[in-house]
Amino acid sequence: MQINSVRADEIIVGGNVCQRAVAHVPHAGVAYQPGVDAYGRTVAPADLGGGSSIRIPETIAIDITVDLQKRFGLPADSRLFLPEARIGVVEIGRDGKVSFNGELVTGDEHLAIEAACRAALGLPPIPLEKPRG
């Protein structure tokens, strides 16, 4: 019995689902300072009270699917299949941690997702460390 391994050759993502997967590192001196404008002048606080009743979720879940119609060239009016096959779910937490089907994504896989997300968002590639030697 032969077992074939499955390997992703390409990662395609939409920019709107990647905001949390890409670590943001602000430049020094651009951090928000309450009561101070961009030029260092004192300003009135922006807190008007009231707030919002919208709760931001702890994680964002993204279904990973395959468009079977496109992949196999089937006609649009075919009633013989569902148009998508669900592969799994990627979840991105507020802390930037990524999991696939409940398993934490680390190492090269996490770097591949972050690189694809950076490209989808129009951000520059991840800077690589120079080898020491």
C-alpha atoms as a PDB file:
ATOM      1  CA  MET A   1       0.000   0.000   0.000  1.00  0.00           C
ATOM      2  CA  GLN A   2       1.375   3.369  -1.015  1.00  0.00           C
ATOM      3  CA  ILE A   3       0.469   6.560   0.835  1.00  0.00           C
ATOM      4  CA  ASN A   4       0.725   9.768  -1.143  1.00  0.00           C
ATOM      5  CA  SER A   5       1.631  12.879   0.773  1.00  0.00           C
ATOM      6  CA  VAL A   6      -0.249  16.084   0.050  1.00  0.00           C
ATOM      7  CA  ARG A   7       1.755  19.281  -0.266  1.00  0.00           C
ATOM      8  CA  ALA A   8       0.601  22.825  -0.918  1.00  0.00           C
ATOM      9  CA  ASP A   9       2.496  24.333  -3.838  1.00  0.00           C
ATOM     10  CA  GLU A  10       0.882  27.724  -3.621  1.00  0.00           C
ATOM     11  CA  ILE A  11      -0.828  29.809  -0.971  1.00  0.00           C
ATOM     12  CA  ILE A  12      -3.468  32.271  -2.155  1.00  0.00           C
ATOM     13  CA  VAL A  13      -5.069  34.583   0.383  1.00  0.00           C
ATOM     14  CA  GLY A  14      -7.211  37.708   0.371  1.00  0.00           C
ATOM     15  CA  GLY A  15      -5.772  40.737   2.104  1.00  0.00           C
ATOM     16  CA  ASN A  16      -8.832  41.336   4.272  1.00  0.00           C
ATOM     17  CA  VAL A  17      -8.302  38.060   6.181  1.00  0.00           C
ATOM     18  CA  CYS A  18      -4.622  38.583   6.916  1.00  0.00           C
ATOM     19  CA  GLN A  19      -4.474  41.621   9.180  1.00  0.00           C
ATOM     20  CA  ARG A  20      -3.868  39.549  12.332  1.00  0.00           C
ATOM     21  CA  ALA A  21      -1.471  37.038  10.791  1.00  0.00           C
ATOM     22  CA  VAL A  22       1.087  39.705   9.954  1.00  0.00           C
ATOM     23  CA  ALA A  23       3.011  41.020  12.942  1.00  0.00           C
ATOM     24  CA  HIS A  24       3.086  44.827  12.990  1.00  0.00           C
ATOM     25  CA  VAL A  25       6.217  46.415  14.393  1.00  0.00           C
ATOM     26  CA  PRO A  26       5.823  50.202  14.640  1.00  0.00           C
ATOM     27  CA  HIS A  27       8.773  52.502  14.129  1.00  0.00           C
ATOM     28  CA  ALA A  28      10.152  54.185  17.231  1.00  0.00           C
ATOM     29  CA  GLY A  29       8.366  57.413  18.143  1.00  0.00           C
ATOM     30  CA  VAL A  30       5.069  56.681  16.366  1.00  0.00           C
ATOM     31  CA  ALA A  31       3.258  55.124  19.312  1.00  0.00           C
ATOM     32  CA  TYR A  32      -0.022  56.776  20.317  1.00  0.00           C
ATOM     33  CA  GLN A  33       0.289  59.280  23.148  1.00  0.00           C
ATOM     34  CA  PRO A  34      -3.037  60.398  24.647  1.00  0.00           C
ATOM     35  CA  GLY A  35      -3.580  64.167  24.654  1.00  0.00           C
ATOM     36  CA  VAL A  36      -0.709  64.892  22.220  1.00  0.00           C
ATOM     37  CA  ASP A  37      -0.892  65.433  18.443  1.00  0.00           C
ATOM     38  CA  ALA A  38       1.683  64.318  15.847  1.00  0.00           C
ATOM     39  CA  TYR A  39       3.691  67.517  16.469  1.00  0.00           C
ATOM     40  CA  GLY A  40       3.812  67.152  20.265  1.00  0.00           C
ATOM     41  CA  ARG A  41       1.140  69.801  20.963  1.00  0.00           C
ATOM     42  CA  THR A  42      -1.519  69.277  23.649  1.00  0.00           C
ATOM     43  CA  VAL A  43      -4.978  68.401  22.304  1.00  0.00           C
ATOM     44  CA  ALA A  44      -8.409  67.729  23.810  1.00  0.00           C
ATOM     45  CA  PRO A  45      -9.206  64.067  24.488  1.00  0.00           C
ATOM     46  CA  ALA A  46     -11.209  62.255  21.818  1.00  0.00           C
ATOM     47  CA  ASP A  47     -13.257  60.216  24.302  1.00  0.00           C
ATOM     48  CA  LEU A  48     -16.889  61.172  23.743  1.00  0.00           C
ATOM     49  CA  GLY A  49     -18.374  58.390  25.845  1.00  0.00           C
ATOM     50  CA  GLY A  50     -21.029  55.935  24.750  1.00  0.00           C
ATOM     51  CA  GLY A  51     -18.697  53.326  23.302  1.00  0.00           C
ATOM     52  CA  SER A  52     -19.745  50.501  21.031  1.00  0.00           C
ATOM     53  CA  SER A  53     -21.736  47.342  21.628  1.00  0.00           C
ATOM     54  CA  ILE A  54     -19.831  45.463  18.904  1.00  0.00           C
ATOM     55  CA  ARG A  55     -17.562  42.799  20.347  1.00  0.00           C
ATOM     56  CA  ILE A  56     -14.449  41.828  18.416  1.00  0.00           C
ATOM     57  CA  PRO A  57     -14.039  38.017  18.313  1.00  0.00           C
ATOM     58  CA  GLU A  58     -11.068  36.388  20.028  1.00  0.00           C
ATOM     59  CA  THR A  59     -10.284  34.482  16.823  1.00  0.00           C
ATOM     60  CA  ILE A  60     -11.061  34.861  13.148  1.00  0.00           C
ATOM     61  CA  ALA A  61     -11.879  31.590  11.385  1.00  0.00           C
ATOM     62  CA  ILE A  62     -11.202  31.179   7.656  1.00  0.00           C
ATOM     63  CA  ASP A  63     -12.584  28.173   5.784  1.00  0.00           C
ATOM     64  CA  ILE A  64     -10.069  26.656   3.370  1.00  0.00           C
ATOM     65  CA  THR A  65     -11.875  25.235   0.351  1.00  0.00           C
ATOM     66  CA  VAL A  66     -11.219  24.035  -3.180  1.00  0.00           C
ATOM     67  CA  ASP A  67     -13.432  25.258  -6.039  1.00  0.00           C
ATOM     68  CA  LEU A  68     -14.176  21.905  -7.678  1.00  0.00           C
ATOM     69  CA  GLN A  69     -15.880  23.436 -10.701  1.00  0.00           C
ATOM     70  CA  LYS A  70     -12.810  25.483 -11.534  1.00  0.00           C
ATOM     71  CA  ARG A  71     -10.302  22.766 -10.629  1.00  0.00           C
ATOM     72  CA  PHE A  72     -11.907  20.047 -12.765  1.00  0.00           C
ATOM     73  CA  GLY A  73     -13.437  22.234 -15.494  1.00  0.00           C
ATOM     74  CA  LEU A  74     -17.014  21.140 -14.804  1.00  0.00           C
ATOM     75  CA  PRO A  75     -19.933  23.052 -16.317  1.00  0.00           C
ATOM     76  CA  ALA A  76     -21.557  25.743 -14.192  1.00  0.00           C
ATOM     77  CA  ASP A  77     -24.989  24.081 -14.305  1.00  0.00           C
ATOM     78  CA  SER A  78     -23.833  20.611 -13.178  1.00  0.00           C
ATOM     79  CA  ARG A  79     -26.049  19.171 -10.428  1.00  0.00           C
ATOM     80  CA  LEU A  80     -23.701  16.280  -9.719  1.00  0.00           C
ATOM     81  CA  PHE A  81     -21.512  17.936  -7.125  1.00  0.00           C
ATOM     82  CA  LEU A  82     -21.234  20.650  -4.536  1.00  0.00           C
ATOM     83  CA  PRO A  83     -19.094  23.499  -5.904  1.00  0.00           C
ATOM     84  CA  GLU A  84     -16.591  23.499  -3.011  1.00  0.00           C
ATOM     85  CA  ALA A  85     -14.782  20.916  -0.930  1.00  0.00           C
ATOM     86  CA  ARG A  86     -13.857  21.955   2.608  1.00  0.00           C
ATOM     87  CA  ILE A  87     -10.206  21.276   3.382  1.00  0.00           C
ATOM     88  CA  GLY A  88     -10.019  22.769   6.864  1.00  0.00           C
ATOM     89  CA  VAL A  89     -10.183  25.906   8.979  1.00  0.00           C
ATOM     90  CA  VAL A  90      -7.408  28.395   9.691  1.00  0.00           C
ATOM     91  CA  GLU A  91      -7.907  30.381  12.894  1.00  0.00           C
ATOM     92  CA  ILE A  92      -6.008  33.560  13.724  1.00  0.00           C
ATOM     93  CA  GLY A  93      -6.073  34.781  17.323  1.00  0.00           C
ATOM     94  CA  ARG A  94      -5.753  38.305  18.655  1.00  0.00           C
ATOM     95  CA  ASP A  95      -2.211  37.419  19.663  1.00  0.00           C
ATOM     96  CA  GLY A  96      -1.321  36.561  16.034  1.00  0.00           C
ATOM     97  CA  LYS A  97      -1.108  32.798  16.660  1.00  0.00           C
ATOM     98  CA  VAL A  98      -2.331  30.725  13.724  1.00  0.00           C
ATOM     99  CA  SER A  99      -3.821  27.230  13.870  1.00  0.00           C
ATOM    100  CA  PHE A 100      -5.064  24.849  11.180  1.00  0.00           C
ATOM    101  CA  ASN A 101      -7.827  22.425  12.171  1.00  0.00           C
ATOM    102  CA  GLY A 102      -7.010  23.090  15.824  1.00  0.00           C
ATOM    103  CA  GLU A 103      -3.243  22.502  15.545  1.00  0.00           C
ATOM    104  CA  LEU A 104      -0.853  25.406  16.137  1.00  0.00           C
ATOM    105  CA  VAL A 105       0.995  26.428  12.962  1.00  0.00           C
ATOM    106  CA  THR A 106       4.650  27.170  13.632  1.00  0.00           C
ATOM    107  CA  GLY A 107       7.982  27.297  11.866  1.00  0.00           C
ATOM    108  CA  ASP A 108       8.131  27.299   8.083  1.00  0.00           C
ATOM    109  CA  GLU A 109       4.355  26.924   7.704  1.00  0.00           C
ATOM    110  CA  HIS A 110       3.721  30.056   9.782  1.00  0.00           C
ATOM    111  CA  LEU A 111       6.364  31.956   7.812  1.00  0.00           C
ATOM    112  CA  ALA A 112       4.710  30.852   4.539  1.00  0.00           C
ATOM    113  CA  ILE A 113       1.297  32.085   5.719  1.00  0.00           C
ATOM    114  CA  GLU A 114       2.744  35.377   6.932  1.00  0.00           C
ATOM    115  CA  ALA A 115       4.628  35.875   3.643  1.00  0.00           C
ATOM    116  CA  ALA A 116       1.455  35.194   1.619  1.00  0.00           C
ATOM    117  CA  CYS A 117      -0.540  37.574   3.815  1.00  0.00           C
ATOM    118  CA  ARG A 118       2.088  40.302   3.526  1.00  0.00           C
ATOM    119  CA  ALA A 119       1.997  39.959  -0.271  1.00  0.00           C
ATOM    120  CA  ALA A 120      -1.842  40.056  -0.284  1.00  0.00           C
ATOM    121  CA  LEU A 121      -1.776  43.211   1.854  1.00  0.00           C
ATOM    122  CA  GLY A 122       0.840  44.858  -0.389  1.00  0.00           C
ATOM    123  CA  LEU A 123       3.444  44.871   2.399  1.00  0.00           C
ATOM    124  CA  PRO A 124       7.163  44.317   1.800  1.00  0.00           C
ATOM    125  CA  PRO A 125       8.549  40.792   2.325  1.00  0.00           C
ATOM    126  CA  ILE A 126       9.591  39.641   5.781  1.00  0.00           C
ATOM    127  CA  PRO A 127      13.139  40.883   6.416  1.00  0.00           C
ATOM    128  CA  LEU A 128      15.494  37.931   6.802  1.00  0.00           C
ATOM    129  CA  GLU A 129      18.311  37.926   9.332  1.00  0.00           C
ATOM    130  CA  LYS A 130      21.814  37.969   7.921  1.00  0.00           C
ATOM    131  CA  PRO A 131      23.741  34.763   8.569  1.00  0.00           C
ATOM    132  CA  ARG A 132      26.252  35.003  11.377  1.00  0.00           C
ATOM    133  CA  GLY A 133      29.643  33.686  10.743  1.00  0.00           C
END
